[in-house]
Amino acid sequence: MHVKTLIASLAFGSLLMACGGMEPEMEAQASDPQAPSLATTEQGLCDGWDNGARRCSFKCTSTSGWITLDTPVAKNHCQETANSVCGRNAYGACWSY
């Protein structure tokens, strides 16, 4: 009986490990100062506040689609707003037209 419980626990633990946790891609990007910024890797979308872009665009995960807010977001609050909408640290956020 104890062997079945042990095997079931290990199987359940393996599923939790496979489905949860931080995305390794984001950790690597955050720790590597030489990695290209989101603004350069997503140049078609990310234009920057200084260039006149005023809409906050973001991705919740590296594999999710872009979300662009039509509601006004104050300067320097795009990442904070994206985190709030995603319910976690957004994968990336930038200003777009």
C-alpha atoms as a PDB file:
ATOM      1  CA  MET A   1       0.000   0.000   0.000  1.00  0.00           C
ATOM      2  CA  HIS A   2       2.827   2.448   0.790  1.00  0.00           C
ATOM      3  CA  VAL A   3       4.511   1.790  -2.555  1.00  0.00           C
ATOM      4  CA  LYS A   4       1.353   2.863  -4.415  1.00  0.00           C
ATOM      5  CA  THR A   5       1.191   6.055  -2.377  1.00  0.00           C
ATOM      6  CA  LEU A   6       4.851   6.791  -3.080  1.00  0.00           C
ATOM      7  CA  ILE A   7       4.447   6.239  -6.833  1.00  0.00           C
ATOM      8  CA  ALA A   8       1.299   8.372  -6.947  1.00  0.00           C
ATOM      9  CA  SER A   9       3.066  11.155  -5.029  1.00  0.00           C
ATOM     10  CA  LEU A  10       6.049  11.081  -7.375  1.00  0.00           C
ATOM     11  CA  ALA A  11       3.785  11.163 -10.436  1.00  0.00           C
ATOM     12  CA  PHE A  12       1.805  14.104  -9.048  1.00  0.00           C
ATOM     13  CA  GLY A  13       5.010  15.956  -8.123  1.00  0.00           C
ATOM     14  CA  SER A  14       6.383  15.419 -11.630  1.00  0.00           C
ATOM     15  CA  LEU A  15       3.231  16.916 -13.146  1.00  0.00           C
ATOM     16  CA  LEU A  16       3.475  19.952 -10.893  1.00  0.00           C
ATOM     17  CA  MET A  17       7.117  20.489 -11.829  1.00  0.00           C
ATOM     18  CA  ALA A  18       6.338  20.181 -15.544  1.00  0.00           C
ATOM     19  CA  CYS A  19       3.458  22.660 -15.474  1.00  0.00           C
ATOM     20  CA  GLY A  20       4.584  25.322 -13.010  1.00  0.00           C
ATOM     21  CA  GLY A  21       7.412  27.638 -12.211  1.00  0.00           C
ATOM     22  CA  MET A  22       9.172  30.510 -13.923  1.00  0.00           C
ATOM     23  CA  GLU A  23       9.894  30.446 -17.597  1.00  0.00           C
ATOM     24  CA  PRO A  24      13.643  29.854 -18.033  1.00  0.00           C
ATOM     25  CA  GLU A  25      13.745  32.173 -21.050  1.00  0.00           C
ATOM     26  CA  MET A  26      12.682  35.145 -18.940  1.00  0.00           C
ATOM     27  CA  GLU A  27      15.215  34.387 -16.214  1.00  0.00           C
ATOM     28  CA  ALA A  28      18.021  34.188 -18.744  1.00  0.00           C
ATOM     29  CA  GLN A  29      16.967  37.419 -20.400  1.00  0.00           C
ATOM     30  CA  ALA A  30      16.699  39.274 -17.088  1.00  0.00           C
ATOM     31  CA  SER A  31      20.135  38.146 -15.921  1.00  0.00           C
ATOM     32  CA  ASP A  32      21.965  38.775 -19.203  1.00  0.00           C
ATOM     33  CA  PRO A  33      22.624  42.497 -19.697  1.00  0.00           C
ATOM     34  CA  GLN A  34      23.948  41.797 -23.216  1.00  0.00           C
ATOM     35  CA  ALA A  35      20.645  40.225 -24.358  1.00  0.00           C
ATOM     36  CA  PRO A  36      18.710  42.397 -26.816  1.00  0.00           C
ATOM     37  CA  SER A  37      15.884  44.391 -25.264  1.00  0.00           C
ATOM     38  CA  LEU A  38      12.265  43.785 -26.113  1.00  0.00           C
ATOM     39  CA  ALA A  39      12.207  47.058 -28.036  1.00  0.00           C
ATOM     40  CA  THR A  40      14.874  45.795 -30.459  1.00  0.00           C
ATOM     41  CA  THR A  41      13.581  42.232 -30.809  1.00  0.00           C
ATOM     42  CA  GLU A  42       9.997  43.407 -31.406  1.00  0.00           C
ATOM     43  CA  GLN A  43      10.860  46.507 -33.413  1.00  0.00           C
ATOM     44  CA  GLY A  44       7.716  46.279 -35.545  1.00  0.00           C
ATOM     45  CA  LEU A  45       5.576  46.893 -32.462  1.00  0.00           C
ATOM     46  CA  CYS A  46       7.701  48.705 -29.875  1.00  0.00           C
ATOM     47  CA  ASP A  47       8.218  52.332 -30.817  1.00  0.00           C
ATOM     48  CA  GLY A  48       8.869  53.988 -27.466  1.00  0.00           C
ATOM     49  CA  TRP A  49       7.307  56.866 -25.542  1.00  0.00           C
ATOM     50  CA  ASP A  50      10.027  59.276 -26.700  1.00  0.00           C
ATOM     51  CA  ASN A  51       9.056  58.590 -30.327  1.00  0.00           C
ATOM     52  CA  GLY A  52       5.435  59.533 -29.656  1.00  0.00           C
ATOM     53  CA  ALA A  53       3.931  56.095 -28.974  1.00  0.00           C
ATOM     54  CA  ARG A  54       1.246  56.298 -26.290  1.00  0.00           C
ATOM     55  CA  ARG A  55      -0.414  52.859 -26.201  1.00  0.00           C
ATOM     56  CA  CYS A  56       0.846  50.208 -23.783  1.00  0.00           C
ATOM     57  CA  SER A  57       1.439  46.826 -25.465  1.00  0.00           C
ATOM     58  CA  PHE A  58       2.539  43.706 -23.611  1.00  0.00           C
ATOM     59  CA  LYS A  59       2.865  39.925 -23.588  1.00  0.00           C
ATOM     60  CA  CYS A  60       2.022  37.971 -20.439  1.00  0.00           C
ATOM     61  CA  THR A  61       4.240  35.023 -21.464  1.00  0.00           C
ATOM     62  CA  SER A  62       6.813  34.448 -24.177  1.00  0.00           C
ATOM     63  CA  THR A  63       4.321  32.356 -26.166  1.00  0.00           C
ATOM     64  CA  SER A  64       1.222  34.530 -25.704  1.00  0.00           C
ATOM     65  CA  GLY A  65       0.012  37.101 -28.195  1.00  0.00           C
ATOM     66  CA  TRP A  66       0.447  40.842 -27.846  1.00  0.00           C
ATOM     67  CA  ILE A  67      -2.226  42.799 -25.989  1.00  0.00           C
ATOM     68  CA  THR A  68      -2.533  46.522 -26.704  1.00  0.00           C
ATOM     69  CA  LEU A  69      -4.524  48.674 -24.310  1.00  0.00           C
ATOM     70  CA  ASP A  70      -6.683  51.446 -25.715  1.00  0.00           C
ATOM     71  CA  THR A  71      -7.135  53.024 -22.285  1.00  0.00           C
ATOM     72  CA  PRO A  72      -4.649  55.743 -21.311  1.00  0.00           C
ATOM     73  CA  VAL A  73      -1.638  54.625 -19.271  1.00  0.00           C
ATOM     74  CA  ALA A  74       0.639  57.171 -17.613  1.00  0.00           C
ATOM     75  CA  LYS A  75       4.261  57.475 -18.703  1.00  0.00           C
ATOM     76  CA  ASN A  76       6.551  54.930 -16.936  1.00  0.00           C
ATOM     77  CA  HIS A  77       3.566  52.770 -15.897  1.00  0.00           C
ATOM     78  CA  CYS A  78       3.254  50.400 -18.875  1.00  0.00           C
ATOM     79  CA  GLN A  79       5.122  47.492 -17.216  1.00  0.00           C
ATOM     80  CA  GLU A  80       3.228  48.017 -13.952  1.00  0.00           C
ATOM     81  CA  THR A  81      -0.112  48.032 -15.805  1.00  0.00           C
ATOM     82  CA  ALA A  82       0.865  44.938 -17.790  1.00  0.00           C
ATOM     83  CA  ASN A  83       1.761  43.091 -14.576  1.00  0.00           C
ATOM     84  CA  SER A  84      -1.633  44.027 -13.151  1.00  0.00           C
ATOM     85  CA  VAL A  85      -3.542  42.794 -16.205  1.00  0.00           C
ATOM     86  CA  CYS A  86      -1.520  39.568 -16.456  1.00  0.00           C
ATOM     87  CA  GLY A  87      -1.757  38.838 -12.739  1.00  0.00           C
ATOM     88  CA  ARG A  88       1.996  38.134 -12.724  1.00  0.00           C
ATOM     89  CA  ASN A  89       5.163  39.738 -14.043  1.00  0.00           C
ATOM     90  CA  ALA A  90       4.485  40.308 -17.722  1.00  0.00           C
ATOM     91  CA  TYR A  91       7.020  38.827 -20.146  1.00  0.00           C
ATOM     92  CA  GLY A  92       7.497  42.244 -21.688  1.00  0.00           C
ATOM     93  CA  ALA A  93       5.839  45.595 -22.163  1.00  0.00           C
ATOM     94  CA  CYS A  94       6.520  48.558 -24.436  1.00  0.00           C
ATOM     95  CA  TRP A  95       4.961  51.637 -25.957  1.00  0.00           C
ATOM     96  CA  SER A  96       3.401  51.348 -29.411  1.00  0.00           C
ATOM     97  CA  TYR A  97       1.237  53.428 -31.745  1.00  0.00           C
END
